[in-house]
Amino acid sequence: MQPSLKYVNDIKPVTVAATIEWLSSQEGGRQQPPAIGTYYAVARFSLKPDESWSVIFQLAFHLRNSHNRQISRGTVRFLVDHAPHEYLLHYHSFDIYEGPHLVAHAFLL
């Protein structure tokens, strides 16, 4: 029998659908979106700007929106079990960082 995991506020890890709007390189973002597949990043949520959490995206596809912005679609979840999983249920968006650099905005669907 495996030991049960203790989750923050008894909320189990969740995976949610997300749209990512990438900042252009002129805005300090990436030259191009990461490859389709697994993408690791750091998330910061607006109401808790001093907290950073590692997240994992599964990117399904890229496109350009009507404003010529690079957009990606996929799913996202926290990397660790002790993360505040309720954030993915109660927040509508968060910022994506690579190191100290803001590179995109994620919108939870």
PDB file of N, CA and C in Angstrom:
ATOM      1  N   MET A   1       0.838  -1.181   0.000  1.00  0.00           N
ATOM      2  CA  MET A   1       0.000   0.000   0.000  1.00  0.00           C
ATOM      3  C   MET A   1       0.883   1.245   0.000  1.00  0.00           C
ATOM      4  N   GLN A   2       0.598   2.185  -0.911  1.00  0.00           N
ATOM      5  CA  GLN A   2       1.386   3.405  -0.993  1.00  0.00           C
ATOM      6  C   GLN A   2       0.851   4.438  -0.010  1.00  0.00           C
ATOM      7  N   PRO A   3       1.754   5.258   0.546  1.00  0.00           N
ATOM      8  CA  PRO A   3       1.280   6.308   1.450  1.00  0.00           C
ATOM      9  C   PRO A   3       0.499   7.353   0.660  1.00  0.00           C
ATOM     10  N   SER A   4      -0.500   7.937   1.292  1.00  0.00           N
ATOM     11  CA  SER A   4      -1.269   8.982   0.610  1.00  0.00           C
ATOM     12  C   SER A   4      -0.507  10.299   0.704  1.00  0.00           C
ATOM     13  N   LEU A   5      -0.689  11.137  -0.305  1.00  0.00           N
ATOM     14  CA  LEU A   5      -0.039  12.439  -0.321  1.00  0.00           C
ATOM     15  C   LEU A   5      -0.884  13.442   0.446  1.00  0.00           C
ATOM     16  N   LYS A   6      -0.227  14.368   1.103  1.00  0.00           N
ATOM     17  CA  LYS A   6      -0.930  15.447   1.790  1.00  0.00           C
ATOM     18  C   LYS A   6      -0.954  16.635   0.841  1.00  0.00           C
ATOM     19  N   TYR A   7      -2.114  17.120   0.488  1.00  0.00           N
ATOM     20  CA  TYR A   7      -2.250  18.237  -0.432  1.00  0.00           C
ATOM     21  C   TYR A   7      -2.606  19.500   0.337  1.00  0.00           C
ATOM     22  N   VAL A   8      -2.135  20.621  -0.164  1.00  0.00           N
ATOM     23  CA  VAL A   8      -2.451  21.901   0.437  1.00  0.00           C
ATOM     24  C   VAL A   8      -3.961  22.109   0.359  1.00  0.00           C
ATOM     25  N   ASN A   9      -4.572  22.428   1.471  1.00  0.00           N
ATOM     26  CA  ASN A   9      -6.023  22.662   1.535  1.00  0.00           C
ATOM     27  C   ASN A   9      -6.821  21.502   0.957  1.00  0.00           C
ATOM     28  N   ASP A  10      -6.263  20.296   0.987  1.00  0.00           N
ATOM     29  CA  ASP A  10      -6.932  19.092   0.484  1.00  0.00           C
ATOM     30  C   ASP A  10      -7.326  19.175  -0.989  1.00  0.00           C
ATOM     31  N   ILE A  11      -6.664  20.030  -1.757  1.00  0.00           N
ATOM     32  CA  ILE A  11      -6.920  20.108  -3.195  1.00  0.00           C
ATOM     33  C   ILE A  11      -5.839  19.310  -3.902  1.00  0.00           C
ATOM     34  N   LYS A  12      -6.244  18.315  -4.644  1.00  0.00           N
ATOM     35  CA  LYS A  12      -5.301  17.462  -5.355  1.00  0.00           C
ATOM     36  C   LYS A  12      -4.739  18.201  -6.564  1.00  0.00           C
ATOM     37  N   PRO A  13      -3.579  17.774  -7.063  1.00  0.00           N
ATOM     38  CA  PRO A  13      -3.013  18.403  -8.257  1.00  0.00           C
ATOM     39  C   PRO A  13      -4.010  18.372  -9.414  1.00  0.00           C
ATOM     40  N   VAL A  14      -4.052  19.475 -10.140  1.00  0.00           N
ATOM     41  CA  VAL A  14      -4.961  19.585 -11.279  1.00  0.00           C
ATOM     42  C   VAL A  14      -4.185  19.984 -12.528  1.00  0.00           C
ATOM     43  N   THR A  15      -4.726  19.620 -13.667  1.00  0.00           N
ATOM     44  CA  THR A  15      -4.217  20.056 -14.961  1.00  0.00           C
ATOM     45  C   THR A  15      -5.350  20.806 -15.634  1.00  0.00           C
ATOM     46  N   VAL A  16      -5.057  22.008 -16.125  1.00  0.00           N
ATOM     47  CA  VAL A  16      -6.098  22.821 -16.758  1.00  0.00           C
ATOM     48  C   VAL A  16      -5.656  23.256 -18.149  1.00  0.00           C
ATOM     49  N   ALA A  17      -6.634  23.530 -18.996  1.00  0.00           N
ATOM     50  CA  ALA A  17      -6.356  24.044 -20.337  1.00  0.00           C
ATOM     51  C   ALA A  17      -5.897  25.496 -20.227  1.00  0.00           C
ATOM     52  N   ALA A  18      -5.005  25.890 -21.127  1.00  0.00           N
ATOM     53  CA  ALA A  18      -4.471  27.248 -21.088  1.00  0.00           C
ATOM     54  C   ALA A  18      -4.148  27.751 -22.486  1.00  0.00           C
ATOM     55  N   THR A  19      -4.251  29.057 -22.627  1.00  0.00           N
ATOM     56  CA  THR A  19      -3.766  29.767 -23.805  1.00  0.00           C
ATOM     57  C   THR A  19      -2.613  30.641 -23.340  1.00  0.00           C
ATOM     58  N   ILE A  20      -1.527  30.651 -24.089  1.00  0.00           N
ATOM     59  CA  ILE A  20      -0.356  31.448 -23.741  1.00  0.00           C
ATOM     60  C   ILE A  20      -0.162  32.499 -24.817  1.00  0.00           C
ATOM     61  N   GLU A  21      -0.039  33.755 -24.389  1.00  0.00           N
ATOM     62  CA  GLU A  21       0.278  34.850 -25.305  1.00  0.00           C
ATOM     63  C   GLU A  21       1.719  35.269 -25.030  1.00  0.00           C
ATOM     64  N   TRP A  22       2.589  35.042 -26.010  1.00  0.00           N
ATOM     65  CA  TRP A  22       4.019  35.281 -25.855  1.00  0.00           C
ATOM     66  C   TRP A  22       4.356  36.741 -26.107  1.00  0.00           C
ATOM     67  N   LEU A  23       5.239  37.299 -25.282  1.00  0.00           N
ATOM     68  CA  LEU A  23       5.762  38.631 -25.547  1.00  0.00           C
ATOM     69  C   LEU A  23       6.745  38.539 -26.705  1.00  0.00           C
ATOM     70  N   SER A  24       6.815  39.587 -27.499  1.00  0.00           N
ATOM     71  CA  SER A  24       7.781  39.609 -28.603  1.00  0.00           C
ATOM     72  C   SER A  24       9.185  39.816 -28.035  1.00  0.00           C
ATOM     73  N   SER A  25      10.190  39.555 -28.842  1.00  0.00           N
ATOM     74  CA  SER A  25      11.568  39.772 -28.387  1.00  0.00           C
ATOM     75  C   SER A  25      11.806  41.256 -28.101  1.00  0.00           C
ATOM     76  N   GLN A  26      11.118  42.150 -28.816  1.00  0.00           N
ATOM     77  CA  GLN A  26      11.246  43.588 -28.562  1.00  0.00           C
ATOM     78  C   GLN A  26      10.670  43.972 -27.197  1.00  0.00           C
ATOM     79  N   GLU A  27       9.747  43.161 -26.696  1.00  0.00           N
ATOM     80  CA  GLU A  27       9.151  43.396 -25.378  1.00  0.00           C
ATOM     81  C   GLU A  27       9.907  42.663 -24.271  1.00  0.00           C
ATOM     82  N   GLY A  28      11.002  42.009 -24.622  1.00  0.00           N
ATOM     83  CA  GLY A  28      11.784  41.260 -23.646  1.00  0.00           C
ATOM     84  C   GLY A  28      11.450  39.787 -23.596  1.00  0.00           C
ATOM     85  N   GLY A  29      10.577  39.345 -24.504  1.00  0.00           N
ATOM     86  CA  GLY A  29      10.176  37.941 -24.552  1.00  0.00           C
ATOM     87  C   GLY A  29      11.108  37.104 -25.406  1.00  0.00           C
ATOM     88  N   ARG A  30      10.606  35.976 -25.839  1.00  0.00           N
ATOM     89  CA  ARG A  30      11.373  35.012 -26.626  1.00  0.00           C
ATOM     90  C   ARG A  30      11.399  35.399 -28.102  1.00  0.00           C
ATOM     91  N   GLN A  31      12.399  34.879 -28.822  1.00  0.00           N
ATOM     92  CA  GLN A  31      12.452  35.046 -30.276  1.00  0.00           C
ATOM     93  C   GLN A  31      11.298  34.293 -30.935  1.00  0.00           C
ATOM     94  N   GLN A  32      10.973  33.120 -30.387  1.00  0.00           N
ATOM     95  CA  GLN A  32       9.872  32.295 -30.890  1.00  0.00           C
ATOM     96  C   GLN A  32       9.371  31.426 -29.743  1.00  0.00           C
ATOM     97  N   PRO A  33       8.155  30.914 -29.850  1.00  0.00           N
ATOM     98  CA  PRO A  33       7.645  30.046 -28.780  1.00  0.00           C
ATOM     99  C   PRO A  33       8.494  28.780 -28.658  1.00  0.00           C
ATOM    100  N   PRO A  34       8.458  28.141 -27.496  1.00  0.00           N
ATOM    101  CA  PRO A  34       9.174  26.869 -27.352  1.00  0.00           C
ATOM    102  C   PRO A  34       8.546  25.805 -28.247  1.00  0.00           C
ATOM    103  N   ALA A  35       9.253  24.732 -28.446  1.00  0.00           N
ATOM    104  CA  ALA A  35       8.768  23.639 -29.296  1.00  0.00           C
ATOM    105  C   ALA A  35       7.493  23.027 -28.716  1.00  0.00           C
ATOM    106  N   ILE A  36       6.681  22.472 -29.592  1.00  0.00           N
ATOM    107  CA  ILE A  36       5.495  21.733 -29.168  1.00  0.00           C
ATOM    108  C   ILE A  36       5.945  20.606 -28.236  1.00  0.00           C
ATOM    109  N   GLY A  37       5.173  20.373 -27.183  1.00  0.00           N
ATOM    110  CA  GLY A  37       5.517  19.335 -26.213  1.00  0.00           C
ATOM    111  C   GLY A  37       5.660  19.930 -24.829  1.00  0.00           C
ATOM    112  N   THR A  38       6.548  19.372 -24.031  1.00  0.00           N
ATOM    113  CA  THR A  38       6.715  19.774 -22.637  1.00  0.00           C
ATOM    114  C   THR A  38       7.545  21.045 -22.536  1.00  0.00           C
ATOM    115  N   TYR A  39       7.053  21.999 -21.752  1.00  0.00           N
ATOM    116  CA  TYR A  39       7.732  23.277 -21.525  1.00  0.00           C
ATOM    117  C   TYR A  39       7.648  23.591 -20.033  1.00  0.00           C
ATOM    118  N   TYR A  40       8.809  23.762 -19.394  1.00  0.00           N
ATOM    119  CA  TYR A  40       8.887  24.092 -17.975  1.00  0.00           C
ATOM    120  C   TYR A  40       9.094  25.592 -17.832  1.00  0.00           C
ATOM    121  N   ALA A  41       8.399  26.203 -16.882  1.00  0.00           N
ATOM    122  CA  ALA A  41       8.518  27.645 -16.678  1.00  0.00           C
ATOM    123  C   ALA A  41       8.217  27.977 -15.220  1.00  0.00           C
ATOM    124  N   VAL A  42       8.311  29.261 -14.912  1.00  0.00           N
ATOM    125  CA  VAL A  42       7.984  29.767 -13.584  1.00  0.00           C
ATOM    126  C   VAL A  42       6.735  30.632 -13.705  1.00  0.00           C
ATOM    127  N   ALA A  43       5.779  30.417 -12.806  1.00  0.00           N
ATOM    128  CA  ALA A  43       4.522  31.169 -12.804  1.00  0.00           C
ATOM    129  C   ALA A  43       4.497  32.136 -11.627  1.00  0.00           C
ATOM    130  N   ARG A  44       3.968  33.330 -11.893  1.00  0.00           N
ATOM    131  CA  ARG A  44       3.696  34.305 -10.837  1.00  0.00           C
ATOM    132  C   ARG A  44       2.261  34.785 -11.010  1.00  0.00           C
ATOM    133  N   PHE A  45       1.514  34.753  -9.919  1.00  0.00           N
ATOM    134  CA  PHE A  45       0.106  35.132  -9.925  1.00  0.00           C
ATOM    135  C   PHE A  45      -0.045  36.548  -9.380  1.00  0.00           C
ATOM    136  N   SER A  46      -0.935  37.341  -9.958  1.00  0.00           N
ATOM    137  CA  SER A  46      -1.049  38.773  -9.649  1.00  0.00           C
ATOM    138  C   SER A  46      -1.318  39.078  -8.175  1.00  0.00           C
ATOM    139  N   LEU A  47      -2.122  38.286  -7.506  1.00  0.00           N
ATOM    140  CA  LEU A  47      -2.430  38.579  -6.106  1.00  0.00           C
ATOM    141  C   LEU A  47      -1.350  38.102  -5.144  1.00  0.00           C
ATOM    142  N   LYS A  48      -0.388  37.335  -5.645  1.00  0.00           N
ATOM    143  CA  LYS A  48       0.734  36.853  -4.830  1.00  0.00           C
ATOM    144  C   LYS A  48       2.035  37.087  -5.613  1.00  0.00           C
ATOM    145  N   PRO A  49       2.371  38.349  -5.952  1.00  0.00           N
ATOM    146  CA  PRO A  49       3.509  38.615  -6.842  1.00  0.00           C
ATOM    147  C   PRO A  49       4.875  38.225  -6.278  1.00  0.00           C
ATOM    148  N   ASP A  50       4.968  38.031  -4.967  1.00  0.00           N
ATOM    149  CA  ASP A  50       6.248  37.642  -4.370  1.00  0.00           C
ATOM    150  C   ASP A  50       6.459  36.135  -4.379  1.00  0.00           C
ATOM    151  N   GLU A  51       5.451  35.375  -4.790  1.00  0.00           N
ATOM    152  CA  GLU A  51       5.559  33.918  -4.874  1.00  0.00           C
ATOM    153  C   GLU A  51       5.831  33.497  -6.310  1.00  0.00           C
ATOM    154  N   SER A  52       6.675  32.505  -6.457  1.00  0.00           N
ATOM    155  CA  SER A  52       6.936  31.907  -7.770  1.00  0.00           C
ATOM    156  C   SER A  52       6.765  30.405  -7.647  1.00  0.00           C
ATOM    157  N   TRP A  53       6.140  29.796  -8.667  1.00  0.00           N
ATOM    158  CA  TRP A  53       5.910  28.355  -8.667  1.00  0.00           C
ATOM    159  C   TRP A  53       6.302  27.775 -10.008  1.00  0.00           C
ATOM    160  N   SER A  54       6.969  26.643  -9.985  1.00  0.00           N
ATOM    161  CA  SER A  54       7.324  25.954 -11.227  1.00  0.00           C
ATOM    162  C   SER A  54       6.090  25.273 -11.796  1.00  0.00           C
ATOM    163  N   VAL A  55       5.913  25.431 -13.107  1.00  0.00           N
ATOM    164  CA  VAL A  55       4.782  24.820 -13.806  1.00  0.00           C
ATOM    165  C   VAL A  55       5.281  24.044 -15.017  1.00  0.00           C
ATOM    166  N   ILE A  56       4.458  23.111 -15.462  1.00  0.00           N
ATOM    167  CA  ILE A  56       4.752  22.320 -16.661  1.00  0.00           C
ATOM    168  C   ILE A  56       3.596  22.506 -17.635  1.00  0.00           C
ATOM    169  N   PHE A  57       3.936  22.961 -18.825  1.00  0.00           N
ATOM    170  CA  PHE A  57       2.951  23.055 -19.901  1.00  0.00           C
ATOM    171  C   PHE A  57       3.138  21.877 -20.844  1.00  0.00           C
ATOM    172  N   GLN A  58       2.052  21.400 -21.397  1.00  0.00           N
ATOM    173  CA  GLN A  58       2.079  20.486 -22.536  1.00  0.00           C
ATOM    174  C   GLN A  58       1.506  21.297 -23.696  1.00  0.00           C
ATOM    175  N   LEU A  59       2.401  21.810 -24.527  1.00  0.00           N
ATOM    176  CA  LEU A  59       1.986  22.672 -25.632  1.00  0.00           C
ATOM    177  C   LEU A  59       1.506  21.822 -26.793  1.00  0.00           C
ATOM    178  N   ALA A  60       0.307  22.115 -27.279  1.00  0.00           N
ATOM    179  CA  ALA A  60      -0.303  21.324 -28.351  1.00  0.00           C
ATOM    180  C   ALA A  60      -0.087  21.948 -29.725  1.00  0.00           C
ATOM    181  N   PHE A  61      -0.201  23.283 -29.815  1.00  0.00           N
ATOM    182  CA  PHE A  61       0.003  23.954 -31.105  1.00  0.00           C
ATOM    183  C   PHE A  61       0.247  25.442 -30.896  1.00  0.00           C
ATOM    184  N   HIS A  62       0.788  26.099 -31.944  1.00  0.00           N
ATOM    185  CA  HIS A  62       1.047  27.538 -31.963  1.00  0.00           C
ATOM    186  C   HIS A  62       0.269  28.155 -33.116  1.00  0.00           C
ATOM    187  N   LEU A  63      -0.076  29.426 -32.960  1.00  0.00           N
ATOM    188  CA  LEU A  63      -0.703  30.183 -34.042  1.00  0.00           C
ATOM    189  C   LEU A  63      -0.468  31.666 -33.785  1.00  0.00           C
ATOM    190  N   ARG A  64      -0.895  32.493 -34.716  1.00  0.00           N
ATOM    191  CA  ARG A  64      -0.847  33.947 -34.530  1.00  0.00           C
ATOM    192  C   ARG A  64      -2.278  34.449 -34.425  1.00  0.00           C
ATOM    193  N   ASN A  65      -2.507  35.381 -33.483  1.00  0.00           N
ATOM    194  CA  ASN A  65      -3.861  35.914 -33.342  1.00  0.00           C
ATOM    195  C   ASN A  65      -4.059  37.106 -34.277  1.00  0.00           C
ATOM    196  N   SER A  66      -5.202  37.754 -34.189  1.00  0.00           N
ATOM    197  CA  SER A  66      -5.524  38.855 -35.097  1.00  0.00           C
ATOM    198  C   SER A  66      -4.630  40.074 -34.891  1.00  0.00           C
ATOM    199  N   HIS A  67      -3.920  40.134 -33.770  1.00  0.00           N
ATOM    200  CA  HIS A  67      -2.979  41.225 -33.499  1.00  0.00           C
ATOM    201  C   HIS A  67      -1.545  40.817 -33.833  1.00  0.00           C
ATOM    202  N   ASN A  68      -1.404  39.703 -34.548  1.00  0.00           N
ATOM    203  CA  ASN A  68      -0.108  39.157 -34.963  1.00  0.00           C
ATOM    204  C   ASN A  68       0.759  38.728 -33.775  1.00  0.00           C
ATOM    205  N   ARG A  69       0.123  38.360 -32.673  1.00  0.00           N
ATOM    206  CA  ARG A  69       0.839  37.858 -31.497  1.00  0.00           C
ATOM    207  C   ARG A  69       0.946  36.347 -31.587  1.00  0.00           C
ATOM    208  N   GLN A  70       2.083  35.811 -31.137  1.00  0.00           N
ATOM    209  CA  GLN A  70       2.258  34.362 -31.047  1.00  0.00           C
ATOM    210  C   GLN A  70       1.410  33.838 -29.889  1.00  0.00           C
ATOM    211  N   ILE A  71       0.614  32.828 -30.170  1.00  0.00           N
ATOM    212  CA  ILE A  71      -0.266  32.205 -29.186  1.00  0.00           C
ATOM    213  C   ILE A  71       0.013  30.707 -29.182  1.00  0.00           C
ATOM    214  N   SER A  72      -0.005  30.115 -27.996  1.00  0.00           N
ATOM    215  CA  SER A  72       0.105  28.657 -27.873  1.00  0.00           C
ATOM    216  C   SER A  72      -1.090  28.159 -27.078  1.00  0.00           C
ATOM    217  N   ARG A  73      -1.504  26.933 -27.358  1.00  0.00           N
ATOM    218  CA  ARG A  73      -2.573  26.279 -26.600  1.00  0.00           C
ATOM    219  C   ARG A  73      -2.036  24.975 -26.044  1.00  0.00           C
ATOM    220  N   GLY A  74      -2.539  24.619 -24.874  1.00  0.00           N
ATOM    221  CA  GLY A  74      -2.128  23.369 -24.250  1.00  0.00           C
ATOM    222  C   GLY A  74      -2.724  23.242 -22.869  1.00  0.00           C
ATOM    223  N   THR A  75      -2.018  22.538 -22.011  1.00  0.00           N
ATOM    224  CA  THR A  75      -2.440  22.367 -20.623  1.00  0.00           C
ATOM    225  C   THR A  75      -1.297  22.762 -19.706  1.00  0.00           C
ATOM    226  N   VAL A  76      -1.639  23.030 -18.453  1.00  0.00           N
ATOM    227  CA  VAL A  76      -0.628  23.412 -17.466  1.00  0.00           C
ATOM    228  C   VAL A  76      -0.969  22.771 -16.128  1.00  0.00           C
ATOM    229  N   ARG A  77       0.088  22.467 -15.377  1.00  0.00           N
ATOM    230  CA  ARG A  77      -0.048  21.979 -14.002  1.00  0.00           C
ATOM    231  C   ARG A  77       1.192  22.415 -13.239  1.00  0.00           C
ATOM    232  N   PHE A  78       1.105  22.361 -11.914  1.00  0.00           N
ATOM    233  CA  PHE A  78       2.271  22.657 -11.092  1.00  0.00           C
ATOM    234  C   PHE A  78       3.241  21.487 -11.132  1.00  0.00           C
ATOM    235  N   LEU A  79       4.518  21.788 -10.964  1.00  0.00           N
ATOM    236  CA  LEU A  79       5.554  20.760 -10.983  1.00  0.00           C
ATOM    237  C   LEU A  79       5.539  19.919  -9.707  1.00  0.00           C
ATOM    238  N   VAL A  80       5.238  20.544  -8.568  1.00  0.00           N
ATOM    239  CA  VAL A  80       5.340  19.843  -7.283  1.00  0.00           C
ATOM    240  C   VAL A  80       3.970  19.645  -6.636  1.00  0.00           C
ATOM    241  N   ASP A  81       3.860  18.597  -5.849  1.00  0.00           N
ATOM    242  CA  ASP A  81       2.599  18.270  -5.189  1.00  0.00           C
ATOM    243  C   ASP A  81       2.191  19.286  -4.128  1.00  0.00           C
ATOM    244  N   HIS A  82       3.167  19.933  -3.475  1.00  0.00           N
ATOM    245  CA  HIS A  82       2.826  20.855  -2.386  1.00  0.00           C
ATOM    246  C   HIS A  82       2.536  22.279  -2.873  1.00  0.00           C
ATOM    247  N   ALA A  83       2.404  22.473  -4.169  1.00  0.00           N
ATOM    248  CA  ALA A  83       2.057  23.785  -4.730  1.00  0.00           C
ATOM    249  C   ALA A  83       0.605  24.137  -4.402  1.00  0.00           C
ATOM    250  N   PRO A  84       0.260  25.409  -4.503  1.00  0.00           N
ATOM    251  CA  PRO A  84      -1.126  25.828  -4.228  1.00  0.00           C
ATOM    252  C   PRO A  84      -2.028  25.553  -5.438  1.00  0.00           C
ATOM    253  N   HIS A  85      -2.446  24.323  -5.580  1.00  0.00           N
ATOM    254  CA  HIS A  85      -3.219  23.894  -6.752  1.00  0.00           C
ATOM    255  C   HIS A  85      -4.521  24.672  -6.923  1.00  0.00           C
ATOM    256  N   GLU A  86      -5.018  25.230  -5.831  1.00  0.00           N
ATOM    257  CA  GLU A  86      -6.245  26.017  -5.934  1.00  0.00           C
ATOM    258  C   GLU A  86      -6.056  27.252  -6.818  1.00  0.00           C
ATOM    259  N   TYR A  87      -4.811  27.715  -6.973  1.00  0.00           N
ATOM    260  CA  TYR A  87      -4.563  28.864  -7.857  1.00  0.00           C
ATOM    261  C   TYR A  87      -5.035  28.562  -9.277  1.00  0.00           C
ATOM    262  N   LEU A  88      -4.835  27.353  -9.737  1.00  0.00           N
ATOM    263  CA  LEU A  88      -5.242  26.997 -11.100  1.00  0.00           C
ATOM    264  C   LEU A  88      -6.757  26.892 -11.227  1.00  0.00           C
ATOM    265  N   LEU A  89      -7.439  26.795 -10.108  1.00  0.00           N
ATOM    266  CA  LEU A  89      -8.897  26.721 -10.127  1.00  0.00           C
ATOM    267  C   LEU A  89      -9.550  28.082  -9.921  1.00  0.00           C
ATOM    268  N   HIS A  90      -8.859  29.005  -9.224  1.00  0.00           N
ATOM    269  CA  HIS A  90      -9.479  30.268  -8.836  1.00  0.00           C
ATOM    270  C   HIS A  90      -8.939  31.489  -9.575  1.00  0.00           C
ATOM    271  N   TYR A  91      -7.771  31.398 -10.155  1.00  0.00           N
ATOM    272  CA  TYR A  91      -7.221  32.517 -10.915  1.00  0.00           C
ATOM    273  C   TYR A  91      -7.562  32.323 -12.388  1.00  0.00           C
ATOM    274  N   HIS A  92      -7.608  33.421 -13.123  1.00  0.00           N
ATOM    275  CA  HIS A  92      -7.910  33.351 -14.551  1.00  0.00           C
ATOM    276  C   HIS A  92      -6.659  33.445 -15.410  1.00  0.00           C
ATOM    277  N   SER A  93      -5.567  33.964 -14.817  1.00  0.00           N
ATOM    278  CA  SER A  93      -4.343  34.144 -15.597  1.00  0.00           C
ATOM    279  C   SER A  93      -3.141  34.230 -14.661  1.00  0.00           C
ATOM    280  N   PHE A  94      -1.963  34.108 -15.254  1.00  0.00           N
ATOM    281  CA  PHE A  94      -0.713  34.324 -14.532  1.00  0.00           C
ATOM    282  C   PHE A  94       0.376  34.673 -15.529  1.00  0.00           C
ATOM    283  N   ASP A  95       1.482  35.205 -15.011  1.00  0.00           N
ATOM    284  CA  ASP A  95       2.622  35.563 -15.850  1.00  0.00           C
ATOM    285  C   ASP A  95       3.618  34.420 -15.878  1.00  0.00           C
ATOM    286  N   ILE A  96       4.288  34.276 -17.016  1.00  0.00           N
ATOM    287  CA  ILE A  96       5.284  33.219 -17.206  1.00  0.00           C
ATOM    288  C   ILE A  96       6.660  33.864 -17.282  1.00  0.00           C
ATOM    289  N   TYR A  97       7.567  33.347 -16.474  1.00  0.00           N
ATOM    290  CA  TYR A  97       8.938  33.854 -16.425  1.00  0.00           C
ATOM    291  C   TYR A  97       9.916  32.762 -16.814  1.00  0.00           C
ATOM    292  N   GLU A  98      10.990  33.193 -17.449  1.00  0.00           N
ATOM    293  CA  GLU A  98      12.168  32.350 -17.666  1.00  0.00           C
ATOM    294  C   GLU A  98      13.289  33.082 -16.955  1.00  0.00           C
ATOM    295  N   GLY A  99      13.705  32.545 -15.824  1.00  0.00           N
ATOM    296  CA  GLY A  99      14.635  33.277 -14.975  1.00  0.00           C
ATOM    297  C   GLY A  99      13.945  34.556 -14.521  1.00  0.00           C
ATOM    298  N   PRO A 100      14.636  35.711 -14.577  1.00  0.00           N
ATOM    299  CA  PRO A 100      14.012  36.962 -14.144  1.00  0.00           C
ATOM    300  C   PRO A 100      13.167  37.638 -15.227  1.00  0.00           C
ATOM    301  N   HIS A 101      13.082  37.038 -16.404  1.00  0.00           N
ATOM    302  CA  HIS A 101      12.444  37.683 -17.553  1.00  0.00           C
ATOM    303  C   HIS A 101      10.993  37.241 -17.756  1.00  0.00           C
ATOM    304  N   LEU A 102      10.095  38.221 -17.810  1.00  0.00           N
ATOM    305  CA  LEU A 102       8.704  37.968 -18.171  1.00  0.00           C
ATOM    306  C   LEU A 102       8.673  37.650 -19.659  1.00  0.00           C
ATOM    307  N   VAL A 103       8.143  36.482 -20.026  1.00  0.00           N
ATOM    308  CA  VAL A 103       8.135  36.077 -21.436  1.00  0.00           C
ATOM    309  C   VAL A 103       6.737  35.873 -22.001  1.00  0.00           C
ATOM    310  N   ALA A 104       5.717  35.736 -21.134  1.00  0.00           N
ATOM    311  CA  ALA A 104       4.372  35.457 -21.649  1.00  0.00           C
ATOM    312  C   ALA A 104       3.335  35.634 -20.551  1.00  0.00           C
ATOM    313  N   HIS A 105       2.085  35.626 -20.989  1.00  0.00           N
ATOM    314  CA  HIS A 105       0.932  35.623 -20.089  1.00  0.00           C
ATOM    315  C   HIS A 105       0.127  34.366 -20.389  1.00  0.00           C
ATOM    316  N   ALA A 106      -0.253  33.649 -19.352  1.00  0.00           N
ATOM    317  CA  ALA A 106      -1.074  32.442 -19.515  1.00  0.00           C
ATOM    318  C   ALA A 106      -2.495  32.755 -19.070  1.00  0.00           C
ATOM    319  N   PHE A 107      -3.452  32.296 -19.858  1.00  0.00           N
ATOM    320  CA  PHE A 107      -4.869  32.478 -19.560  1.00  0.00           C
ATOM    321  C   PHE A 107      -5.492  31.101 -19.382  1.00  0.00           C
ATOM    322  N   LEU A 108      -6.080  30.876 -18.223  1.00  0.00           N
ATOM    323  CA  LEU A 108      -6.635  29.563 -17.892  1.00  0.00           C
ATOM    324  C   LEU A 108      -8.054  29.451 -18.421  1.00  0.00           C
ATOM    325  N   LEU A 109      -8.352  28.314 -19.040  1.00  0.00           N
ATOM    326  CA  LEU A 109      -9.653  28.125 -19.690  1.00  0.00           C
ATOM    327  C   LEU A 109     -10.564  27.242 -18.859  1.00  0.00           C
TER     328      LEU A 109
END
